[in-house]
PDB file of N, CA and C in Angstrom:
ATOM      1  N   MET A   1      34.629 146.890  31.638  1.00  0.00           N
ATOM      2  CA  MET A   1      35.583 145.336  31.036  1.00  0.00           C
ATOM      3  C   MET A   1      34.741 144.708  29.512  1.00  0.00           C
ATOM      4  N   ALA A   2      35.157 144.959  28.960  1.00  0.00           N
ATOM      5  CA  ALA A   2      34.853 144.154  27.394  1.00  0.00           C
ATOM      6  C   ALA A   2      34.957 142.392  27.310  1.00  0.00           C
ATOM      7  N   SER A   3      36.700 142.372  28.078  1.00  0.00           N
ATOM      8  CA  SER A   3      36.259 141.094  28.505  1.00  0.00           C
ATOM      9  C   SER A   3      35.428 140.117  28.964  1.00  0.00           C
ATOM     10  N   ILE A   4      35.046 140.548  29.863  1.00  0.00           N
ATOM     11  CA  ILE A   4      33.659 139.921  30.918  1.00  0.00           C
ATOM     12  C   ILE A   4      31.826 139.718  29.534  1.00  0.00           C
ATOM     13  N   ARG A   5      31.833 141.349  29.370  1.00  0.00           N
ATOM     14  CA  ARG A   5      30.829 140.779  28.450  1.00  0.00           C
ATOM     15  C   ARG A   5      30.754 139.391  26.650  1.00  0.00           C
ATOM     16  N   ASP A   6      32.537 139.783  26.595  1.00  0.00           N
ATOM     17  CA  ASP A   6      32.823 138.303  26.115  1.00  0.00           C
ATOM     18  C   ASP A   6      32.198 136.978  26.427  1.00  0.00           C
ATOM     19  N   LEU A   7      32.969 137.030  27.628  1.00  0.00           N
ATOM     20  CA  LEU A   7      32.897 135.972  28.606  1.00  0.00           C
ATOM     21  C   LEU A   7      31.538 135.617  28.314  1.00  0.00           C
ATOM     22  N   LYS A   8      30.758 136.272  28.845  1.00  0.00           N
ATOM     23  CA  LYS A   8      29.200 136.098  29.217  1.00  0.00           C
ATOM     24  C   LYS A   8      28.319 135.829  28.004  1.00  0.00           C
ATOM     25  N   LYS A   9      29.557 136.851  26.663  1.00  0.00           N
ATOM     26  CA  LYS A   9      28.488 135.900  24.933  1.00  0.00           C
ATOM     27  C   LYS A   9      28.836 134.378  24.648  1.00  0.00           C
ATOM     28  N   ASP A  10      29.774 134.353  24.894  1.00  0.00           N
ATOM     29  CA  ASP A  10      30.455 133.013  24.716  1.00  0.00           C
ATOM     30  C   ASP A  10      29.775 131.687  25.450  1.00  0.00           C
ATOM     31  N   ILE A  11      29.215 132.266  27.120  1.00  0.00           N
ATOM     32  CA  ILE A  11      28.665 131.174  27.847  1.00  0.00           C
ATOM     33  C   ILE A  11      27.512 131.264  27.386  1.00  0.00           C
ATOM     34  N   ASN A  12      27.172 132.346  26.318  1.00  0.00           N
ATOM     35  CA  ASN A  12      25.586 131.882  26.628  1.00  0.00           C
ATOM     36  C   ASN A  12      25.391 131.438  25.409  1.00  0.00           C
ATOM     37  N   ASN A  13      26.262 131.744  24.271  1.00  0.00           N
ATOM     38  CA  ASN A  13      26.678 131.055  22.858  1.00  0.00           C
ATOM     39  C   ASN A  13      26.706 129.924  23.066  1.00  0.00           C
ATOM     40  N   VAL A  14      27.725 128.911  23.511  1.00  0.00           N
ATOM     41  CA  VAL A  14      27.762 127.340  23.632  1.00  0.00           C
ATOM     42  C   VAL A  14      26.783 126.787  24.174  1.00  0.00           C
ATOM     43  N   PHE A  15      26.192 126.884  25.068  1.00  0.00           N
ATOM     44  CA  PHE A  15      25.049 126.770  25.195  1.00  0.00           C
ATOM     45  C   PHE A  15      23.574 126.547  25.309  1.00  0.00           C
ATOM     46  N   GLY A  16      23.585 127.987  24.430  1.00  0.00           N
ATOM     47  CA  GLY A  16      22.312 127.373  23.195  1.00  0.00           C
ATOM     48  C   GLY A  16      23.446 126.987  21.756  1.00  0.00           C
ATOM     49  N   ASP A  17      23.847 126.821  21.276  1.00  0.00           N
ATOM     50  CA  ASP A  17      24.074 125.907  20.514  1.00  0.00           C
ATOM     51  C   ASP A  17      24.240 124.604  20.780  1.00  0.00           C
ATOM     52  N   ILE A  18      24.450 123.974  22.170  1.00  0.00           N
ATOM     53  CA  ILE A  18      24.429 122.844  21.850  1.00  0.00           C
ATOM     54  C   ILE A  18      23.552 122.586  22.590  1.00  0.00           C
ATOM     55  N   ILE A  19      21.949 123.220  22.985  1.00  0.00           N
ATOM     56  CA  ILE A  19      21.169 122.975  22.906  1.00  0.00           C
ATOM     57  C   ILE A  19      20.137 123.180  21.479  1.00  0.00           C
ATOM     58  N   GLU A  20      20.380 124.023  21.021  1.00  0.00           N
ATOM     59  CA  GLU A  20      19.962 124.132  19.623  1.00  0.00           C
ATOM     60  C   GLU A  20      20.408 122.845  19.093  1.00  0.00           C
ATOM     61  N   ALA A  21      21.431 121.967  18.404  1.00  0.00           N
ATOM     62  CA  ALA A  21      22.088 120.661  18.311  1.00  0.00           C
ATOM     63  C   ALA A  21      21.326 119.761  18.681  1.00  0.00           C
ATOM     64  N   VAL A  22      20.615 119.590  20.266  1.00  0.00           N
ATOM     65  CA  VAL A  22      19.848 119.171  20.224  1.00  0.00           C
ATOM     66  C   VAL A  22      18.214 118.845  19.499  1.00  0.00           C
ATOM     67  N   PHE A  23      17.967 120.335  19.830  1.00  0.00           N
ATOM     68  CA  PHE A  23      16.866 120.107  18.656  1.00  0.00           C
ATOM     69  C   PHE A  23      16.800 119.510  17.716  1.00  0.00           C
ATOM     70  N   ILE A  24      17.958 119.814  16.699  1.00  0.00           N
ATOM     71  CA  ILE A  24      17.984 119.538  15.430  1.00  0.00           C
ATOM     72  C   ILE A  24      18.256 117.688  15.415  1.00  0.00           C
ATOM     73  N   PHE A  25      19.440 116.992  15.946  1.00  0.00           N
ATOM     74  CA  PHE A  25      18.692 116.207  16.342  1.00  0.00           C
ATOM     75  C   PHE A  25      17.759 115.484  16.504  1.00  0.00           C
ATOM     76  N   GLU A  26      16.603 115.987  17.540  1.00  0.00           N
ATOM     77  CA  GLU A  26      15.546 115.055  18.402  1.00  0.00           C
ATOM     78  C   GLU A  26      14.495 115.334  16.912  1.00  0.00           C
ATOM     79  N   ASP A  27      14.751 116.555  15.960  1.00  0.00           N
ATOM     80  CA  ASP A  27      13.668 116.631  14.704  1.00  0.00           C
ATOM     81  C   ASP A  27      14.308 116.105  14.048  1.00  0.00           C
ATOM     82  N   ALA A  28      15.458 115.435  13.868  1.00  0.00           N
ATOM     83  CA  ALA A  28      15.858 114.891  12.290  1.00  0.00           C
ATOM     84  C   ALA A  28      15.794 113.170  12.660  1.00  0.00           C
ATOM     85  N   LYS A  29      15.643 112.893  14.066  1.00  0.00           N
ATOM     86  CA  LYS A  29      15.572 111.703  14.062  1.00  0.00           C
ATOM     87  C   LYS A  29      13.962 111.615  14.821  1.00  0.00           C
ATOM     88  N   GLU A  30      13.118 112.680  14.679  1.00  0.00           N
ATOM     89  CA  GLU A  30      11.503 111.976  14.064  1.00  0.00           C
ATOM     90  C   GLU A  30      11.399 111.800  16.418  1.00  0.00           C
ATOM     91  N   ASN A  31      12.680 112.567  17.219  1.00  0.00           N
ATOM     92  CA  ASN A  31      12.099 111.428  18.187  1.00  0.00           C
ATOM     93  C   ASN A  31      12.247 113.062  19.499  1.00  0.00           C
ATOM     94  N   GLN A  32      10.811 113.453  19.793  1.00  0.00           N
ATOM     95  CA  GLN A  32      11.158 114.786  19.892  1.00  0.00           C
ATOM     96  C   GLN A  32      10.310 114.379  21.175  1.00  0.00           C
ATOM     97  N   ALA A  33      11.803 115.301  21.886  1.00  0.00           N
ATOM     98  CA  ALA A  33      11.858 115.293  24.104  1.00  0.00           C
ATOM     99  C   ALA A  33      12.150 114.007  24.422  1.00  0.00           C
ATOM    100  N   SER A  34      13.143 113.224  23.871  1.00  0.00           N
ATOM    101  CA  SER A  34      13.726 111.840  24.044  1.00  0.00           C
ATOM    102  C   SER A  34      14.470 112.479  25.309  1.00  0.00           C
ATOM    103  N   LYS A  35      14.205 111.388  26.243  1.00  0.00           N
ATOM    104  CA  LYS A  35      14.910 111.592  28.132  1.00  0.00           C
ATOM    105  C   LYS A  35      16.125 111.780  27.955  1.00  0.00           C
ATOM    106  N   GLU A  36      17.255 111.312  27.108  1.00  0.00           N
ATOM    107  CA  GLU A  36      18.391 112.197  26.727  1.00  0.00           C
ATOM    108  C   GLU A  36      18.583 113.593  26.159  1.00  0.00           C
ATOM    109  N   GLY A  37      17.856 113.695  25.318  1.00  0.00           N
ATOM    110  CA  GLY A  37      17.843 114.971  24.663  1.00  0.00           C
ATOM    111  C   GLY A  37      17.490 115.977  25.993  1.00  0.00           C
ATOM    112  N   THR A  38      16.205 115.436  26.699  1.00  0.00           N
ATOM    113  CA  THR A  38      16.075 116.426  27.690  1.00  0.00           C
ATOM    114  C   THR A  38      16.813 116.193  28.707  1.00  0.00           C
ATOM    115  N   ALA A  39      17.501 116.027  29.356  1.00  0.00           N
ATOM    116  CA  ALA A  39      18.431 115.294  30.035  1.00  0.00           C
ATOM    117  C   ALA A  39      20.166 116.278  29.884  1.00  0.00           C
ATOM    118  N   ILE A  40      20.408 116.352  28.765  1.00  0.00           N
ATOM    119  CA  ILE A  40      21.303 117.484  27.960  1.00  0.00           C
ATOM    120  C   ILE A  40      21.085 119.150  28.153  1.00  0.00           C
ATOM    121  N   ILE A  41      19.334 119.222  27.755  1.00  0.00           N
ATOM    122  CA  ILE A  41      19.364 120.778  27.744  1.00  0.00           C
ATOM    123  C   ILE A  41      19.202 121.160  29.433  1.00  0.00           C
ATOM    124  N   GLU A  42      18.822 120.219  30.282  1.00  0.00           N
ATOM    125  CA  GLU A  42      18.741 120.495  31.611  1.00  0.00           C
ATOM    126  C   GLU A  42      20.314 120.459  32.154  1.00  0.00           C
ATOM    127  N   ASN A  43      20.772 119.665  32.168  1.00  0.00           N
ATOM    128  CA  ASN A  43      22.327 119.955  31.940  1.00  0.00           C
ATOM    129  C   ASN A  43      22.806 121.251  31.480  1.00  0.00           C
ATOM    130  N   ALA A  44      22.533 121.533  30.132  1.00  0.00           N
ATOM    131  CA  ALA A  44      23.168 122.614  30.035  1.00  0.00           C
ATOM    132  C   ALA A  44      22.937 124.428  30.421  1.00  0.00           C
ATOM    133  N   ILE A  45      21.081 123.954  30.729  1.00  0.00           N
ATOM    134  CA  ILE A  45      20.458 125.434  31.718  1.00  0.00           C
ATOM    135  C   ILE A  45      21.791 125.398  33.052  1.00  0.00           C
ATOM    136  N   SER A  46      21.686 124.259  33.310  1.00  0.00           N
ATOM    137  CA  SER A  46      22.289 124.148  34.705  1.00  0.00           C
ATOM    138  C   SER A  46      23.929 124.449  34.823  1.00  0.00           C
ATOM    139  N   ASP A  47      24.284 124.028  33.942  1.00  0.00           N
ATOM    140  CA  ASP A  47      25.818 124.460  34.024  1.00  0.00           C
ATOM    141  C   ASP A  47      25.987 126.182  33.262  1.00  0.00           C
ATOM    142  N   PHE A  48      24.651 126.651  32.426  1.00  0.00           N
ATOM    143  CA  PHE A  48      25.063 127.984  31.966  1.00  0.00           C
ATOM    144  C   PHE A  48      24.692 128.686  33.265  1.00  0.00           C
ATOM    145  N   ASP A  49      23.482 128.685  34.246  1.00  0.00           N
ATOM    146  CA  ASP A  49      23.668 129.198  34.910  1.00  0.00           C
ATOM    147  C   ASP A  49      24.538 129.419  36.026  1.00  0.00           C
ATOM    148  N   GLU A  50      25.047 128.452  36.202  1.00  0.00           N
ATOM    149  CA  GLU A  50      26.912 128.372  37.197  1.00  0.00           C
ATOM    150  C   GLU A  50      27.589 129.265  37.086  1.00  0.00           C
ATOM    151  N   LEU A  51      27.880 129.040  35.516  1.00  0.00           N
ATOM    152  CA  LEU A  51      28.915 129.480  35.371  1.00  0.00           C
ATOM    153  C   LEU A  51      28.775 131.442  35.217  1.00  0.00           C
ATOM    154  N   ILE A  52      27.522 131.536  34.639  1.00  0.00           N
ATOM    155  CA  ILE A  52      27.261 133.052  34.967  1.00  0.00           C
ATOM    156  C   ILE A  52      27.839 133.371  36.192  1.00  0.00           C
ATOM    157  N   ALA A  53      26.902 132.652  37.284  1.00  0.00           N
ATOM    158  CA  ALA A  53      27.140 132.910  38.671  1.00  0.00           C
ATOM    159  C   ALA A  53      29.018 133.521  38.792  1.00  0.00           C
ATOM    160  N   GLN A  54      29.256 132.305  38.431  1.00  0.00           N
ATOM    161  CA  GLN A  54      30.871 132.294  38.855  1.00  0.00           C
ATOM    162  C   GLN A  54      31.222 133.657  38.247  1.00  0.00           C
ATOM    163  N   VAL A  55      31.037 133.940  36.799  1.00  0.00           N
ATOM    164  CA  VAL A  55      31.844 135.438  36.527  1.00  0.00           C
ATOM    165  C   VAL A  55      31.169 136.363  37.066  1.00  0.00           C
ATOM    166  N   ASN A  56      29.248 136.861  37.592  1.00  0.00           N
ATOM    167  CA  ASN A  56      29.265 138.047  38.071  1.00  0.00           C
ATOM    168  C   ASN A  56      29.522 137.657  39.619  1.00  0.00           C
ATOM    169  N   ASN A  57      30.434 136.885  40.340  1.00  0.00           N
ATOM    170  CA  ASN A  57      31.309 136.671  41.689  1.00  0.00           C
ATOM    171  C   ASN A  57      31.922 137.774  41.730  1.00  0.00           C
ATOM    172  N   ARG A  58      32.262 139.080  42.092  1.00  0.00           N
ATOM    173  CA  ARG A  58      33.197 140.181  42.997  1.00  0.00           C
ATOM    174  C   ARG A  58      34.045 139.669  43.815  1.00  0.00           C
ATOM    175  N   ASP A  59      33.657 138.146  44.650  1.00  0.00           N
ATOM    176  CA  ASP A  59      34.263 138.418  45.948  1.00  0.00           C
ATOM    177  C   ASP A  59      35.078 137.024  45.877  1.00  0.00           C
ATOM    178  N   VAL A  60      36.353 138.040  44.802  1.00  0.00           N
ATOM    179  CA  VAL A  60      37.580 136.772  44.348  1.00  0.00           C
ATOM    180  C   VAL A  60      38.249 137.691  44.395  1.00  0.00           C
ATOM    181  N   GLU A  61      39.901 136.944  44.923  1.00  0.00           N
ATOM    182  CA  GLU A  61      40.996 137.832  45.543  1.00  0.00           C
ATOM    183  C   GLU A  61      42.168 138.077  44.352  1.00  0.00           C
ATOM    184  N   ASN A  62      41.255 137.189  42.745  1.00  0.00           N
ATOM    185  CA  ASN A  62      42.196 138.050  41.646  1.00  0.00           C
ATOM    186  C   ASN A  62      41.630 137.257  40.530  1.00  0.00           C
ATOM    187  N   ARG A  63      40.469 138.789  39.797  1.00  0.00           N
ATOM    188  CA  ARG A  63      39.426 138.433  39.300  1.00  0.00           C
ATOM    189  C   ARG A  63      40.299 137.893  38.248  1.00  0.00           C
ATOM    190  N   SER A  64      41.096 138.392  37.420  1.00  0.00           N
ATOM    191  CA  SER A  64      41.422 137.451  36.031  1.00  0.00           C
ATOM    192  C   SER A  64      41.941 136.086  35.901  1.00  0.00           C
ATOM    193  N   THR A  65      42.397 135.782  36.849  1.00  0.00           N
ATOM    194  CA  THR A  65      42.753 134.571  37.616  1.00  0.00           C
ATOM    195  C   THR A  65      41.314 134.094  37.649  1.00  0.00           C
ATOM    196  N   HIS A  66      41.172 134.055  38.475  1.00  0.00           N
ATOM    197  CA  HIS A  66      39.208 133.860  38.461  1.00  0.00           C
ATOM    198  C   HIS A  66      38.119 133.289  36.718  1.00  0.00           C
ATOM    199  N   LEU A  67      38.720 134.528  36.430  1.00  0.00           N
ATOM    200  CA  LEU A  67      37.956 134.526  34.992  1.00  0.00           C
ATOM    201  C   LEU A  67      38.809 133.339  34.260  1.00  0.00           C
ATOM    202  N   LYS A  68      39.732 133.492  33.904  1.00  0.00           N
ATOM    203  CA  LYS A  68      40.611 132.319  33.516  1.00  0.00           C
ATOM    204  C   LYS A  68      39.879 130.833  33.506  1.00  0.00           C
ATOM    205  N   LYS A  69      39.341 130.989  34.737  1.00  0.00           N
ATOM    206  CA  LYS A  69      39.029 129.949  35.881  1.00  0.00           C
ATOM    207  C   LYS A  69      38.052 129.072  35.089  1.00  0.00           C
ATOM    208  N   VAL A  70      36.889 130.521  35.057  1.00  0.00           N
ATOM    209  CA  VAL A  70      35.343 129.958  34.240  1.00  0.00           C
ATOM    210  C   VAL A  70      35.680 129.584  32.832  1.00  0.00           C
ATOM    211  N   ARG A  71      36.490 130.420  32.209  1.00  0.00           N
ATOM    212  CA  ARG A  71      36.927 130.449  31.108  1.00  0.00           C
ATOM    213  C   ARG A  71      37.206 128.835  30.393  1.00  0.00           C
ATOM    214  N   ALA A  72      37.578 127.916  31.506  1.00  0.00           N
ATOM    215  CA  ALA A  72      38.057 126.577  31.279  1.00  0.00           C
ATOM    216  C   ALA A  72      37.418 125.700  31.346  1.00  0.00           C
ATOM    217  N   ASP A  73      36.339 126.020  32.784  1.00  0.00           N
ATOM    218  CA  ASP A  73      35.457 125.520  32.815  1.00  0.00           C
ATOM    219  C   ASP A  73      34.952 125.527  31.916  1.00  0.00           C
ATOM    220  N   LEU A  74      34.316 126.539  31.285  1.00  0.00           N
ATOM    221  CA  LEU A  74      33.235 126.291  30.333  1.00  0.00           C
ATOM    222  C   LEU A  74      33.508 125.347  29.449  1.00  0.00           C
ATOM    223  N   GLU A  75      34.780 124.826  28.382  1.00  0.00           N
ATOM    224  CA  GLU A  75      34.916 124.597  27.630  1.00  0.00           C
ATOM    225  C   GLU A  75      35.487 122.987  28.260  1.00  0.00           C
ATOM    226  N   LYS A  76      35.719 122.623  29.262  1.00  0.00           N
ATOM    227  CA  LYS A  76      35.124 121.888  30.277  1.00  0.00           C
ATOM    228  C   LYS A  76      34.399 120.619  30.143  1.00  0.00           C
ATOM    229  N   LYS A  77      32.941 121.654  30.136  1.00  0.00           N
ATOM    230  CA  LYS A  77      31.928 121.354  30.554  1.00  0.00           C
ATOM    231  C   LYS A  77      30.569 121.415  29.416  1.00  0.00           C
ATOM    232  N   ALA A  78      31.055 122.341  28.229  1.00  0.00           N
ATOM    233  CA  ALA A  78      30.582 122.373  26.972  1.00  0.00           C
ATOM    234  C   ALA A  78      30.906 121.104  26.440  1.00  0.00           C
ATOM    235  N   LYS A  79      32.646 120.566  26.383  1.00  0.00           N
ATOM    236  CA  LYS A  79      33.517 119.266  25.781  1.00  0.00           C
ATOM    237  C   LYS A  79      32.154 117.932  25.940  1.00  0.00           C
ATOM    238  N   ALA A  80      31.994 117.849  27.476  1.00  0.00           N
ATOM    239  CA  ALA A  80      31.410 116.869  28.430  1.00  0.00           C
ATOM    240  C   ALA A  80      29.619 116.770  27.908  1.00  0.00           C
ATOM    241  N   LEU A  81      29.478 117.797  27.535  1.00  0.00           N
ATOM    242  CA  LEU A  81      28.053 117.923  26.802  1.00  0.00           C
ATOM    243  C   LEU A  81      27.682 117.870  25.376  1.00  0.00           C
ATOM    244  N   ILE A  82      28.665 118.126  24.359  1.00  0.00           N
ATOM    245  CA  ILE A  82      28.684 118.023  23.136  1.00  0.00           C
ATOM    246  C   ILE A  82      28.949 116.378  23.070  1.00  0.00           C
ATOM    247  N   ASP A  83      29.833 116.034  23.890  1.00  0.00           N
ATOM    248  CA  ASP A  83      30.017 114.083  23.466  1.00  0.00           C
ATOM    249  C   ASP A  83      29.591 113.972  24.263  1.00  0.00           C
ATOM    250  N   LYS A  84      27.967 113.743  24.539  1.00  0.00           N
ATOM    251  CA  LYS A  84      26.725 113.384  25.226  1.00  0.00           C
ATOM    252  C   LYS A  84      25.912 113.759  23.691  1.00  0.00           C
ATOM    253  N   VAL A  85      25.752 115.219  23.366  1.00  0.00           N
ATOM    254  CA  VAL A  85      24.716 114.789  21.889  1.00  0.00           C
ATOM    255  C   VAL A  85      25.347 114.031  20.889  1.00  0.00           C
ATOM    256  N   ASN A  86      26.923 114.285  20.788  1.00  0.00           N
ATOM    257  CA  ASN A  86      27.301 113.134  19.678  1.00  0.00           C
ATOM    258  C   ASN A  86      26.748 111.616  19.696  1.00  0.00           C
ATOM    259  N   LYS A  87      26.895 111.176  21.362  1.00  0.00           N
ATOM    260  CA  LYS A  87      26.155 110.040  21.449  1.00  0.00           C
ATOM    261  C   LYS A  87      24.702 109.202  21.524  1.00  0.00           C
ATOM    262  N   LEU A  88      23.760 110.561  20.482  1.00  0.00           N
ATOM    263  CA  LEU A  88      22.938 110.974  20.698  1.00  0.00           C
ATOM    264  C   LEU A  88      22.177 109.530  19.720  1.00  0.00           C
ATOM    265  N   GLY A  89      22.938 109.515  18.445  1.00  0.00           N
ATOM    266  CA  GLY A  89      22.984 109.307  17.546  1.00  0.00           C
ATOM    267  C   GLY A  89      23.102 108.129  16.959  1.00  0.00           C
TER     268      GLY A  89
END
């Protein structure tokens, strides 16, 4: 199923971009390994693991509806993390 592969790629890319944004911000501000940045990265990794586990869960009644919910969760979690990254400034 291409849509599952695409969803996994989207999850990987979104959280990878968020982590990269934290590194770029910290490098620009010369504030390497700030507590706030580290917390955002840890949350991104945790959310990534959670969403990939949900995608890999095949014991659901309606797989299509389940994957739509996962995509909605991705958007919600990513937006929350992006808001935190923006507040680092």
